[in-house]
Amino acid sequence: MTRDILTRRSFVAAVATLAATPRLAPAVDPVAAPRFKISLAEWSLHKTLFAGKLDNLDFPKAAKQQFGIDAVEYVNQFFKDKAKDSDYLAELTKRAADEGVTNVLVMCDGLGNLGDPDSAARAKAIENHFPWVEAAKRLGCHSIRVNASSAGSFEEQQKLAADGLGRLADYASQMQMNVIVENHGGLSSNGAWLAGVMQLVAKPNCGTLPDFGNFHDYDRYRGVEELMPFAKGVSAKSHEFDDAGNEVRTDYERMLRLVVGAGYHGYVGIEYEGTALPEAEGILATKKLLDRIRANMAA
């Protein structure tokens, strides 16, 4: 198969031209619109994928046919050598489209620290994300999810992370793409810290992806509330369930009312990380809980 030989510059220019083409937005009935939509984060199946029992190319099919979910969030670890492979990305896009599945975002890890105190290392980390911005654009995603790792004092890390995120967001803006940050360890699991970073960046295409379960010692409800004004995605982390089907670590109804109350009606991604249930059962249990709460909200 032939590979696309577009240079990065010509690819960005082509995308900019496409983005500038006027489009009519579909009419939305605010009454009929769901309170939020449901997607599936690929990490929910990480054991299955790492074991070779599922291939990344078949993830959209599994989401739709096995779980009845029509939107997916990829993890770069499962196709880490394919960011520049246009044939592979075209095939993945086709398979998702064939199933009627929307590609939402790509979660990016292992690319360096965007808030690295060393300016050269920080610049390298920023550049390492460029191919994934382009790959996510080719897949039809709206964002890449990144981390805001840094070192130093509270304020120093905020400034360093804001610098790296801002420069990456400037690159992504050329393709009408978003850069969104998850609370994912270190100071990023402090809602006030990450909200402060967003205020420093102050770019419309740089936002957050609040994760229900990654706040560690920080109050998760406070953290989500602090991050929701910047949210372009939400991660519904789940581990285990009681006999009534409720997640035992997170009050999902309280959390989702915070999410919707902030004016967010986008995708809430299922990210099951438990061990009490196999991955497939955990995904279905999380979906059932989300469906129940969404129905209660609509009643």
C-alpha atoms as a PDB file:
ATOM      1  CA  MET A   1       0.000   0.000   0.000  1.00  0.00           C
ATOM      2  CA  THR A   2       1.183   3.539  -0.710  1.00  0.00           C
ATOM      3  CA  ARG A   3       1.809   5.941   2.118  1.00  0.00           C
ATOM      4  CA  ASP A   4       0.563   9.536   2.199  1.00  0.00           C
ATOM      5  CA  ILE A   5       3.602  11.724   1.535  1.00  0.00           C
ATOM      6  CA  LEU A   6       2.130  15.021   2.748  1.00  0.00           C
ATOM      7  CA  THR A   7       4.680  17.078   4.637  1.00  0.00           C
ATOM      8  CA  ARG A   8       3.662  18.340   8.049  1.00  0.00           C
ATOM      9  CA  ARG A   9       3.426  21.866   6.658  1.00  0.00           C
ATOM     10  CA  SER A  10       1.186  20.872   3.751  1.00  0.00           C
ATOM     11  CA  PHE A  11      -0.962  18.697   6.021  1.00  0.00           C
ATOM     12  CA  VAL A  12      -1.533  21.605   8.405  1.00  0.00           C
ATOM     13  CA  ALA A  13      -2.305  23.921   5.468  1.00  0.00           C
ATOM     14  CA  ALA A  14      -4.783  21.440   4.000  1.00  0.00           C
ATOM     15  CA  VAL A  15      -6.553  21.024   7.323  1.00  0.00           C
ATOM     16  CA  ALA A  16      -6.700  24.796   7.817  1.00  0.00           C
ATOM     17  CA  THR A  17      -8.360  25.193   4.411  1.00  0.00           C
ATOM     18  CA  LEU A  18     -10.889  22.480   5.227  1.00  0.00           C
ATOM     19  CA  ALA A  19     -11.622  23.990   8.619  1.00  0.00           C
ATOM     20  CA  ALA A  20     -12.296  27.371   7.005  1.00  0.00           C
ATOM     21  CA  THR A  21     -15.027  25.941   4.761  1.00  0.00           C
ATOM     22  CA  PRO A  22     -18.445  27.077   6.072  1.00  0.00           C
ATOM     23  CA  ARG A  23     -20.678  24.325   7.407  1.00  0.00           C
ATOM     24  CA  LEU A  24     -24.267  24.411   8.562  1.00  0.00           C
ATOM     25  CA  ALA A  25     -24.659  23.182  12.127  1.00  0.00           C
ATOM     26  CA  PRO A  26     -27.455  20.636  12.581  1.00  0.00           C
ATOM     27  CA  ALA A  27     -30.452  21.823  14.524  1.00  0.00           C
ATOM     28  CA  VAL A  28     -30.536  20.457  18.068  1.00  0.00           C
ATOM     29  CA  ASP A  29     -33.713  19.986  20.059  1.00  0.00           C
ATOM     30  CA  PRO A  30     -32.714  20.990  23.615  1.00  0.00           C
ATOM     31  CA  VAL A  31     -35.555  18.955  25.050  1.00  0.00           C
ATOM     32  CA  ALA A  32     -34.721  15.754  23.183  1.00  0.00           C
ATOM     33  CA  ALA A  33     -30.949  16.114  23.609  1.00  0.00           C
ATOM     34  CA  PRO A  34     -29.452  13.730  26.201  1.00  0.00           C
ATOM     35  CA  ARG A  35     -28.033  15.167  29.408  1.00  0.00           C
ATOM     36  CA  PHE A  36     -24.716  13.635  28.378  1.00  0.00           C
ATOM     37  CA  LYS A  37     -23.421  11.108  25.868  1.00  0.00           C
ATOM     38  CA  ILE A  38     -21.541   7.901  26.630  1.00  0.00           C
ATOM     39  CA  SER A  39     -18.215   6.814  25.140  1.00  0.00           C
ATOM     40  CA  LEU A  40     -15.811   3.980  25.910  1.00  0.00           C
ATOM     41  CA  ALA A  41     -12.217   4.630  26.916  1.00  0.00           C
ATOM     42  CA  GLU A  42      -9.910   2.012  25.429  1.00  0.00           C
ATOM     43  CA  TRP A  43      -8.044   1.639  28.727  1.00  0.00           C
ATOM     44  CA  SER A  44     -11.110  -0.219  30.047  1.00  0.00           C
ATOM     45  CA  LEU A  45      -9.903  -3.140  27.914  1.00  0.00           C
ATOM     46  CA  HIS A  46      -6.167  -2.763  28.548  1.00  0.00           C
ATOM     47  CA  LYS A  47      -5.734  -6.297  29.913  1.00  0.00           C
ATOM     48  CA  THR A  48      -7.509  -7.747  26.883  1.00  0.00           C
ATOM     49  CA  LEU A  49      -5.440  -5.611  24.508  1.00  0.00           C
ATOM     50  CA  PHE A  50      -2.095  -6.287  26.178  1.00  0.00           C
ATOM     51  CA  ALA A  51      -2.886 -10.013  26.126  1.00  0.00           C
ATOM     52  CA  GLY A  52      -3.403  -9.865  22.357  1.00  0.00           C
ATOM     53  CA  LYS A  53      -7.053 -10.918  22.624  1.00  0.00           C
ATOM     54  CA  LEU A  54      -8.199  -7.698  20.956  1.00  0.00           C
ATOM     55  CA  ASP A  55      -6.475  -5.596  18.305  1.00  0.00           C
ATOM     56  CA  ASN A  56      -6.690  -1.822  18.327  1.00  0.00           C
ATOM     57  CA  LEU A  57      -8.237  -1.880  14.839  1.00  0.00           C
ATOM     58  CA  ASP A  58     -11.135  -3.917  16.223  1.00  0.00           C
ATOM     59  CA  PHE A  59     -11.788  -1.655  19.214  1.00  0.00           C
ATOM     60  CA  PRO A  60     -14.608   0.321  17.535  1.00  0.00           C
ATOM     61  CA  LYS A  61     -16.347  -2.927  16.558  1.00  0.00           C
ATOM     62  CA  ALA A  62     -16.054  -4.271  20.113  1.00  0.00           C
ATOM     63  CA  ALA A  63     -17.427  -1.028  21.538  1.00  0.00           C
ATOM     64  CA  LYS A  64     -20.485  -1.124  19.298  1.00  0.00           C
ATOM     65  CA  GLN A  65     -21.248  -4.825  19.020  1.00  0.00           C
ATOM     66  CA  GLN A  66     -20.231  -6.031  22.480  1.00  0.00           C
ATOM     67  CA  PHE A  67     -21.214  -3.033  24.588  1.00  0.00           C
ATOM     68  CA  GLY A  68     -23.668  -1.014  22.502  1.00  0.00           C
ATOM     69  CA  ILE A  69     -21.476   2.104  22.702  1.00  0.00           C
ATOM     70  CA  ASP A  70     -21.105   4.282  19.610  1.00  0.00           C
ATOM     71  CA  ALA A  71     -18.180   6.527  20.580  1.00  0.00           C
ATOM     72  CA  VAL A  72     -14.606   5.622  21.529  1.00  0.00           C
ATOM     73  CA  GLU A  73     -11.528   7.143  23.157  1.00  0.00           C
ATOM     74  CA  TYR A  74      -8.233   5.626  22.012  1.00  0.00           C
ATOM     75  CA  VAL A  75      -4.988   5.170  23.965  1.00  0.00           C
ATOM     76  CA  ASN A  76      -1.780   5.756  22.016  1.00  0.00           C
ATOM     77  CA  GLN A  77      -0.042   2.825  23.740  1.00  0.00           C
ATOM     78  CA  PHE A  78      -2.086   0.408  21.648  1.00  0.00           C
ATOM     79  CA  PHE A  79      -0.890   1.813  18.319  1.00  0.00           C
ATOM     80  CA  LYS A  80       2.191   3.721  19.425  1.00  0.00           C
ATOM     81  CA  ASP A  81       4.127   3.172  16.173  1.00  0.00           C
ATOM     82  CA  LYS A  82       1.218   4.228  13.935  1.00  0.00           C
ATOM     83  CA  ALA A  83       0.969   7.990  14.506  1.00  0.00           C
ATOM     84  CA  LYS A  84       2.446   8.737  11.063  1.00  0.00           C
ATOM     85  CA  ASP A  85       1.026   5.686   9.262  1.00  0.00           C
ATOM     86  CA  SER A  86      -1.717   7.180   7.095  1.00  0.00           C
ATOM     87  CA  ASP A  87      -2.810   3.767   5.777  1.00  0.00           C
ATOM     88  CA  TYR A  88      -3.330   2.429   9.292  1.00  0.00           C
ATOM     89  CA  LEU A  89      -5.186   5.560  10.415  1.00  0.00           C
ATOM     90  CA  ALA A  90      -7.387   5.432   7.332  1.00  0.00           C
ATOM     91  CA  GLU A  91      -8.249   1.801   8.063  1.00  0.00           C
ATOM     92  CA  LEU A  92      -9.063   2.583  11.693  1.00  0.00           C
ATOM     93  CA  THR A  93     -11.228   5.505  10.579  1.00  0.00           C
ATOM     94  CA  LYS A  94     -13.046   3.256   8.091  1.00  0.00           C
ATOM     95  CA  ARG A  95     -13.680   0.537  10.647  1.00  0.00           C
ATOM     96  CA  ALA A  96     -15.152   3.033  13.081  1.00  0.00           C
ATOM     97  CA  ALA A  97     -17.328   4.548  10.362  1.00  0.00           C
ATOM     98  CA  ASP A  98     -18.518   1.107   9.241  1.00  0.00           C
ATOM     99  CA  GLU A  99     -19.803   0.497  12.775  1.00  0.00           C
ATOM    100  CA  GLY A 100     -21.317   3.958  13.103  1.00  0.00           C
ATOM    101  CA  VAL A 101     -18.812   4.777  15.841  1.00  0.00           C
ATOM    102  CA  THR A 102     -17.531   8.287  16.556  1.00  0.00           C
ATOM    103  CA  ASN A 103     -13.820   8.717  17.278  1.00  0.00           C
ATOM    104  CA  VAL A 104     -13.689  11.160  20.193  1.00  0.00           C
ATOM    105  CA  LEU A 105     -10.093  11.564  21.311  1.00  0.00           C
ATOM    106  CA  VAL A 106      -6.674   9.944  21.692  1.00  0.00           C
ATOM    107  CA  MET A 107      -5.134   9.627  25.151  1.00  0.00           C
ATOM    108  CA  CYS A 108      -1.382  10.248  24.876  1.00  0.00           C
ATOM    109  CA  ASP A 109       1.167   8.926  27.360  1.00  0.00           C
ATOM    110  CA  GLY A 110       4.913   8.295  27.340  1.00  0.00           C
ATOM    111  CA  LEU A 111       5.828  11.331  25.241  1.00  0.00           C
ATOM    112  CA  GLY A 112       7.768  13.363  27.802  1.00  0.00           C
ATOM    113  CA  ASN A 113       6.830  15.965  30.395  1.00  0.00           C
ATOM    114  CA  LEU A 114       5.095  19.027  28.988  1.00  0.00           C
ATOM    115  CA  GLY A 115       6.079  20.898  32.146  1.00  0.00           C
ATOM    116  CA  ASP A 116       9.673  19.683  32.294  1.00  0.00           C
ATOM    117  CA  PRO A 117      11.904  22.227  34.092  1.00  0.00           C
ATOM    118  CA  ASP A 118      14.580  21.662  31.429  1.00  0.00           C
ATOM    119  CA  SER A 119      13.616  23.868  28.491  1.00  0.00           C
ATOM    120  CA  ALA A 120      15.119  21.520  25.882  1.00  0.00           C
ATOM    121  CA  ALA A 121      13.337  18.489  27.351  1.00  0.00           C
ATOM    122  CA  ARG A 122      10.096  20.461  27.496  1.00  0.00           C
ATOM    123  CA  ALA A 123      10.453  21.481  23.855  1.00  0.00           C
ATOM    124  CA  LYS A 124      11.115  17.863  22.897  1.00  0.00           C
ATOM    125  CA  ALA A 125       8.019  16.699  24.773  1.00  0.00           C
ATOM    126  CA  ILE A 126       5.927  19.299  22.953  1.00  0.00           C
ATOM    127  CA  GLU A 127       7.246  18.130  19.572  1.00  0.00           C
ATOM    128  CA  ASN A 128       6.656  14.488  20.500  1.00  0.00           C
ATOM    129  CA  HIS A 129       2.945  15.267  20.695  1.00  0.00           C
ATOM    130  CA  PHE A 130       2.749  16.854  17.228  1.00  0.00           C
ATOM    131  CA  PRO A 131       2.300  13.567  15.296  1.00  0.00           C
ATOM    132  CA  TRP A 132      -0.488  12.559  17.676  1.00  0.00           C
ATOM    133  CA  VAL A 133      -2.327  15.825  17.110  1.00  0.00           C
ATOM    134  CA  GLU A 134      -2.167  15.052  13.396  1.00  0.00           C
ATOM    135  CA  ALA A 135      -3.155  11.403  13.896  1.00  0.00           C
ATOM    136  CA  ALA A 136      -6.149  12.376  16.032  1.00  0.00           C
ATOM    137  CA  LYS A 137      -7.203  14.871  13.365  1.00  0.00           C
ATOM    138  CA  ARG A 138      -7.018  12.179  10.670  1.00  0.00           C
ATOM    139  CA  LEU A 139      -9.188   9.925  12.852  1.00  0.00           C
ATOM    140  CA  GLY A 140     -11.804  12.655  13.189  1.00  0.00           C
ATOM    141  CA  CYS A 141     -11.235  13.174  16.924  1.00  0.00           C
ATOM    142  CA  HIS A 142     -11.733  16.555  18.558  1.00  0.00           C
ATOM    143  CA  SER A 143      -8.855  16.302  21.063  1.00  0.00           C
ATOM    144  CA  ILE A 144      -5.748  14.636  22.351  1.00  0.00           C
ATOM    145  CA  ARG A 145      -5.583  14.004  26.087  1.00  0.00           C
ATOM    146  CA  VAL A 146      -2.193  14.842  27.593  1.00  0.00           C
ATOM    147  CA  ASN A 147      -0.520  14.956  31.003  1.00  0.00           C
ATOM    148  CA  ALA A 148       0.814  18.013  32.814  1.00  0.00           C
ATOM    149  CA  SER A 149       3.839  16.482  34.567  1.00  0.00           C
ATOM    150  CA  SER A 150       6.409  18.874  35.990  1.00  0.00           C
ATOM    151  CA  ALA A 151       8.758  19.428  38.943  1.00  0.00           C
ATOM    152  CA  GLY A 152       9.395  22.256  41.388  1.00  0.00           C
ATOM    153  CA  SER A 153       7.176  24.327  43.651  1.00  0.00           C
ATOM    154  CA  PHE A 154       3.401  24.621  43.263  1.00  0.00           C
ATOM    155  CA  GLU A 155       3.674  27.912  41.375  1.00  0.00           C
ATOM    156  CA  GLU A 156       6.745  26.905  39.360  1.00  0.00           C
ATOM    157  CA  GLN A 157       5.023  23.775  38.096  1.00  0.00           C
ATOM    158  CA  GLN A 158       1.953  25.759  37.130  1.00  0.00           C
ATOM    159  CA  LYS A 159       4.038  28.129  35.001  1.00  0.00           C
ATOM    160  CA  LEU A 160       6.059  25.334  33.389  1.00  0.00           C
ATOM    161  CA  ALA A 161       2.987  23.224  32.591  1.00  0.00           C
ATOM    162  CA  ALA A 162       1.167  26.266  31.232  1.00  0.00           C
ATOM    163  CA  ASP A 163       4.111  27.013  28.942  1.00  0.00           C
ATOM    164  CA  GLY A 164       4.245  23.504  27.498  1.00  0.00           C
ATOM    165  CA  LEU A 165       0.480  23.182  27.164  1.00  0.00           C
ATOM    166  CA  GLY A 166       0.129  26.624  25.626  1.00  0.00           C
ATOM    167  CA  ARG A 167       2.753  25.968  22.969  1.00  0.00           C
ATOM    168  CA  LEU A 168       1.199  22.604  22.124  1.00  0.00           C
ATOM    169  CA  ALA A 169      -2.255  24.184  21.984  1.00  0.00           C
ATOM    170  CA  ASP A 170      -0.931  26.782  19.523  1.00  0.00           C
ATOM    171  CA  TYR A 171       0.214  23.986  17.232  1.00  0.00           C
ATOM    172  CA  ALA A 172      -3.066  22.079  17.614  1.00  0.00           C
ATOM    173  CA  SER A 173      -5.120  25.188  16.867  1.00  0.00           C
ATOM    174  CA  GLN A 174      -3.832  25.134  13.278  1.00  0.00           C
ATOM    175  CA  MET A 175      -5.842  21.921  12.851  1.00  0.00           C
ATOM    176  CA  GLN A 176      -8.852  23.017  14.888  1.00  0.00           C
ATOM    177  CA  MET A 177      -7.833  20.470  17.541  1.00  0.00           C
ATOM    178  CA  ASN A 178      -8.008  20.620  21.329  1.00  0.00           C
ATOM    179  CA  VAL A 179      -5.385  19.725  23.915  1.00  0.00           C
ATOM    180  CA  ILE A 180      -7.028  18.511  27.115  1.00  0.00           C
ATOM    181  CA  VAL A 181      -5.419  17.593  30.428  1.00  0.00           C
ATOM    182  CA  GLU A 182      -6.493  14.847  32.798  1.00  0.00           C
ATOM    183  CA  ASN A 183      -5.955  14.892  36.531  1.00  0.00           C
ATOM    184  CA  HIS A 184      -3.442  12.067  36.307  1.00  0.00           C
ATOM    185  CA  GLY A 185      -0.973  12.096  39.171  1.00  0.00           C
ATOM    186  CA  GLY A 186       1.354  14.625  40.759  1.00  0.00           C
ATOM    187  CA  LEU A 187      -0.020  18.125  41.173  1.00  0.00           C
ATOM    188  CA  SER A 188      -2.425  17.534  38.280  1.00  0.00           C
ATOM    189  CA  SER A 189      -4.508  15.540  40.789  1.00  0.00           C
ATOM    190  CA  ASN A 190      -5.016  18.793  42.707  1.00  0.00           C
ATOM    191  CA  GLY A 191      -8.051  20.462  41.184  1.00  0.00           C
ATOM    192  CA  ALA A 192      -7.060  23.980  42.248  1.00  0.00           C
ATOM    193  CA  TRP A 193      -3.590  23.550  40.748  1.00  0.00           C
ATOM    194  CA  LEU A 194      -4.864  22.319  37.384  1.00  0.00           C
ATOM    195  CA  ALA A 195      -7.596  24.957  37.226  1.00  0.00           C
ATOM    196  CA  GLY A 196      -4.857  27.530  37.833  1.00  0.00           C
ATOM    197  CA  VAL A 197      -2.850  26.096  34.948  1.00  0.00           C
ATOM    198  CA  MET A 198      -5.873  26.456  32.672  1.00  0.00           C
ATOM    199  CA  GLN A 199      -6.248  30.086  33.716  1.00  0.00           C
ATOM    200  CA  LEU A 200      -2.583  30.711  32.892  1.00  0.00           C
ATOM    201  CA  VAL A 201      -2.865  29.045  29.478  1.00  0.00           C
ATOM    202  CA  ALA A 202      -6.096  30.893  28.666  1.00  0.00           C
ATOM    203  CA  LYS A 203      -6.536  29.399  25.191  1.00  0.00           C
ATOM    204  CA  PRO A 204      -9.931  28.242  23.890  1.00  0.00           C
ATOM    205  CA  ASN A 205      -8.566  24.925  22.598  1.00  0.00           C
ATOM    206  CA  CYS A 206      -6.816  23.966  25.854  1.00  0.00           C
ATOM    207  CA  GLY A 207      -9.050  22.371  28.470  1.00  0.00           C
ATOM    208  CA  THR A 208      -9.476  19.565  30.947  1.00  0.00           C
ATOM    209  CA  LEU A 209     -10.688  15.985  31.096  1.00  0.00           C
ATOM    210  CA  PRO A 210     -11.825  15.545  34.715  1.00  0.00           C
ATOM    211  CA  ASP A 211     -11.487  11.927  35.871  1.00  0.00           C
ATOM    212  CA  PHE A 212     -13.782  10.890  38.724  1.00  0.00           C
ATOM    213  CA  GLY A 213     -11.184   8.683  40.391  1.00  0.00           C
ATOM    214  CA  ASN A 214      -7.732  10.231  39.905  1.00  0.00           C
ATOM    215  CA  PHE A 215      -7.745  12.788  42.710  1.00  0.00           C
ATOM    216  CA  HIS A 216      -6.051  10.555  45.306  1.00  0.00           C
ATOM    217  CA  ASP A 217      -6.153  12.515  48.627  1.00  0.00           C
ATOM    218  CA  TYR A 218      -7.920  15.494  47.058  1.00  0.00           C
ATOM    219  CA  ASP A 219     -11.716  15.676  47.375  1.00  0.00           C
ATOM    220  CA  ARG A 220     -12.981  14.270  44.085  1.00  0.00           C
ATOM    221  CA  TYR A 221     -16.226  16.226  44.023  1.00  0.00           C
ATOM    222  CA  ARG A 222     -14.452  19.504  44.696  1.00  0.00           C
ATOM    223  CA  GLY A 223     -11.861  18.604  42.063  1.00  0.00           C
ATOM    224  CA  VAL A 224     -14.417  17.853  39.364  1.00  0.00           C
ATOM    225  CA  GLU A 225     -16.302  21.045  40.185  1.00  0.00           C
ATOM    226  CA  GLU A 226     -13.084  23.060  39.842  1.00  0.00           C
ATOM    227  CA  LEU A 227     -12.168  21.465  36.499  1.00  0.00           C
ATOM    228  CA  MET A 228     -15.587  21.431  34.825  1.00  0.00           C
ATOM    229  CA  PRO A 229     -15.461  25.073  33.624  1.00  0.00           C
ATOM    230  CA  PHE A 230     -12.597  23.976  31.324  1.00  0.00           C
ATOM    231  CA  ALA A 231     -13.849  20.474  30.469  1.00  0.00           C
ATOM    232  CA  LYS A 232     -13.954  19.171  26.903  1.00  0.00           C
ATOM    233  CA  GLY A 233     -14.300  15.573  28.080  1.00  0.00           C
ATOM    234  CA  VAL A 234     -15.116  13.630  31.247  1.00  0.00           C
ATOM    235  CA  SER A 235     -13.809  10.263  32.427  1.00  0.00           C
ATOM    236  CA  ALA A 236     -16.169   8.070  34.473  1.00  0.00           C
ATOM    237  CA  LYS A 237     -13.635   6.004  36.419  1.00  0.00           C
ATOM    238  CA  SER A 238     -15.091   2.881  38.016  1.00  0.00           C
ATOM    239  CA  HIS A 239     -13.689   0.039  40.123  1.00  0.00           C
ATOM    240  CA  GLU A 240     -16.398  -1.914  41.915  1.00  0.00           C
ATOM    241  CA  PHE A 241     -20.142  -1.935  42.464  1.00  0.00           C
ATOM    242  CA  ASP A 242     -22.540  -2.731  45.299  1.00  0.00           C
ATOM    243  CA  ASP A 243     -25.586  -4.981  45.024  1.00  0.00           C
ATOM    244  CA  ALA A 244     -27.695  -2.052  43.825  1.00  0.00           C
ATOM    245  CA  GLY A 245     -25.302  -1.395  40.945  1.00  0.00           C
ATOM    246  CA  ASN A 246     -23.779   1.764  42.406  1.00  0.00           C
ATOM    247  CA  GLU A 247     -20.043   2.456  42.197  1.00  0.00           C
ATOM    248  CA  VAL A 248     -18.715   2.122  45.739  1.00  0.00           C
ATOM    249  CA  ARG A 249     -15.940   4.762  45.579  1.00  0.00           C
ATOM    250  CA  THR A 250     -17.814   7.513  43.748  1.00  0.00           C
ATOM    251  CA  ASP A 251     -21.357   8.792  44.110  1.00  0.00           C
ATOM    252  CA  TYR A 252     -22.052   8.809  40.370  1.00  0.00           C
ATOM    253  CA  GLU A 253     -25.335  10.689  40.623  1.00  0.00           C
ATOM    254  CA  ARG A 254     -23.730  13.481  42.638  1.00  0.00           C
ATOM    255  CA  MET A 255     -20.787  13.586  40.244  1.00  0.00           C
ATOM    256  CA  LEU A 256     -22.881  13.640  37.090  1.00  0.00           C
ATOM    257  CA  ARG A 257     -25.086  16.384  38.444  1.00  0.00           C
ATOM    258  CA  LEU A 258     -21.921  18.432  38.920  1.00  0.00           C
ATOM    259  CA  VAL A 259     -20.955  17.638  35.324  1.00  0.00           C
ATOM    260  CA  VAL A 260     -24.309  18.547  33.779  1.00  0.00           C
ATOM    261  CA  GLY A 261     -24.778  21.449  36.168  1.00  0.00           C
ATOM    262  CA  ALA A 262     -21.627  23.006  34.712  1.00  0.00           C
ATOM    263  CA  GLY A 263     -23.338  23.073  31.317  1.00  0.00           C
ATOM    264  CA  TYR A 264     -21.461  20.057  29.935  1.00  0.00           C
ATOM    265  CA  HIS A 265     -23.450  17.724  27.679  1.00  0.00           C
ATOM    266  CA  GLY A 266     -20.646  15.997  25.796  1.00  0.00           C
ATOM    267  CA  TYR A 267     -19.163  12.538  26.123  1.00  0.00           C
ATOM    268  CA  VAL A 268     -18.641  10.849  29.467  1.00  0.00           C
ATOM    269  CA  GLY A 269     -16.106   8.095  28.865  1.00  0.00           C
ATOM    270  CA  ILE A 270     -16.364   4.769  30.675  1.00  0.00           C
ATOM    271  CA  GLU A 271     -12.987   3.861  32.167  1.00  0.00           C
ATOM    272  CA  TYR A 272     -13.305   0.656  34.175  1.00  0.00           C
ATOM    273  CA  GLU A 273     -10.183  -0.241  36.159  1.00  0.00           C
ATOM    274  CA  GLY A 274     -11.569  -2.733  38.650  1.00  0.00           C
ATOM    275  CA  THR A 275     -10.590  -6.309  39.436  1.00  0.00           C
ATOM    276  CA  ALA A 276     -13.773  -7.619  41.102  1.00  0.00           C
ATOM    277  CA  LEU A 277     -15.420  -7.973  37.690  1.00  0.00           C
ATOM    278  CA  PRO A 278     -13.817  -8.953  34.382  1.00  0.00           C
ATOM    279  CA  GLU A 279     -13.269  -6.022  32.046  1.00  0.00           C
ATOM    280  CA  ALA A 280     -16.329  -6.680  29.876  1.00  0.00           C
ATOM    281  CA  GLU A 281     -18.638  -7.025  32.879  1.00  0.00           C
ATOM    282  CA  GLY A 282     -17.196  -3.922  34.506  1.00  0.00           C
ATOM    283  CA  ILE A 283     -17.796  -1.892  31.355  1.00  0.00           C
ATOM    284  CA  LEU A 284     -21.388  -3.076  31.156  1.00  0.00           C
ATOM    285  CA  ALA A 285     -21.968  -2.359  34.863  1.00  0.00           C
ATOM    286  CA  THR A 286     -20.643   1.179  34.414  1.00  0.00           C
ATOM    287  CA  LYS A 287     -22.783   1.725  31.326  1.00  0.00           C
ATOM    288  CA  LYS A 288     -25.880   0.470  33.136  1.00  0.00           C
ATOM    289  CA  LEU A 289     -25.228   2.920  35.970  1.00  0.00           C
ATOM    290  CA  LEU A 290     -24.683   5.837  33.572  1.00  0.00           C
ATOM    291  CA  ASP A 291     -27.834   4.920  31.635  1.00  0.00           C
ATOM    292  CA  ARG A 292     -29.878   4.784  34.837  1.00  0.00           C
ATOM    293  CA  ILE A 293     -28.691   8.163  36.089  1.00  0.00           C
ATOM    294  CA  ARG A 294     -29.147   9.764  32.677  1.00  0.00           C
ATOM    295  CA  ALA A 295     -32.726   8.473  32.560  1.00  0.00           C
ATOM    296  CA  ASN A 296     -33.389   9.833  36.065  1.00  0.00           C
ATOM    297  CA  MET A 297     -32.091  13.231  34.993  1.00  0.00           C
ATOM    298  CA  ALA A 298     -34.409  13.254  31.987  1.00  0.00           C
ATOM    299  CA  ALA A 299     -37.471  12.268  34.033  1.00  0.00           C
END
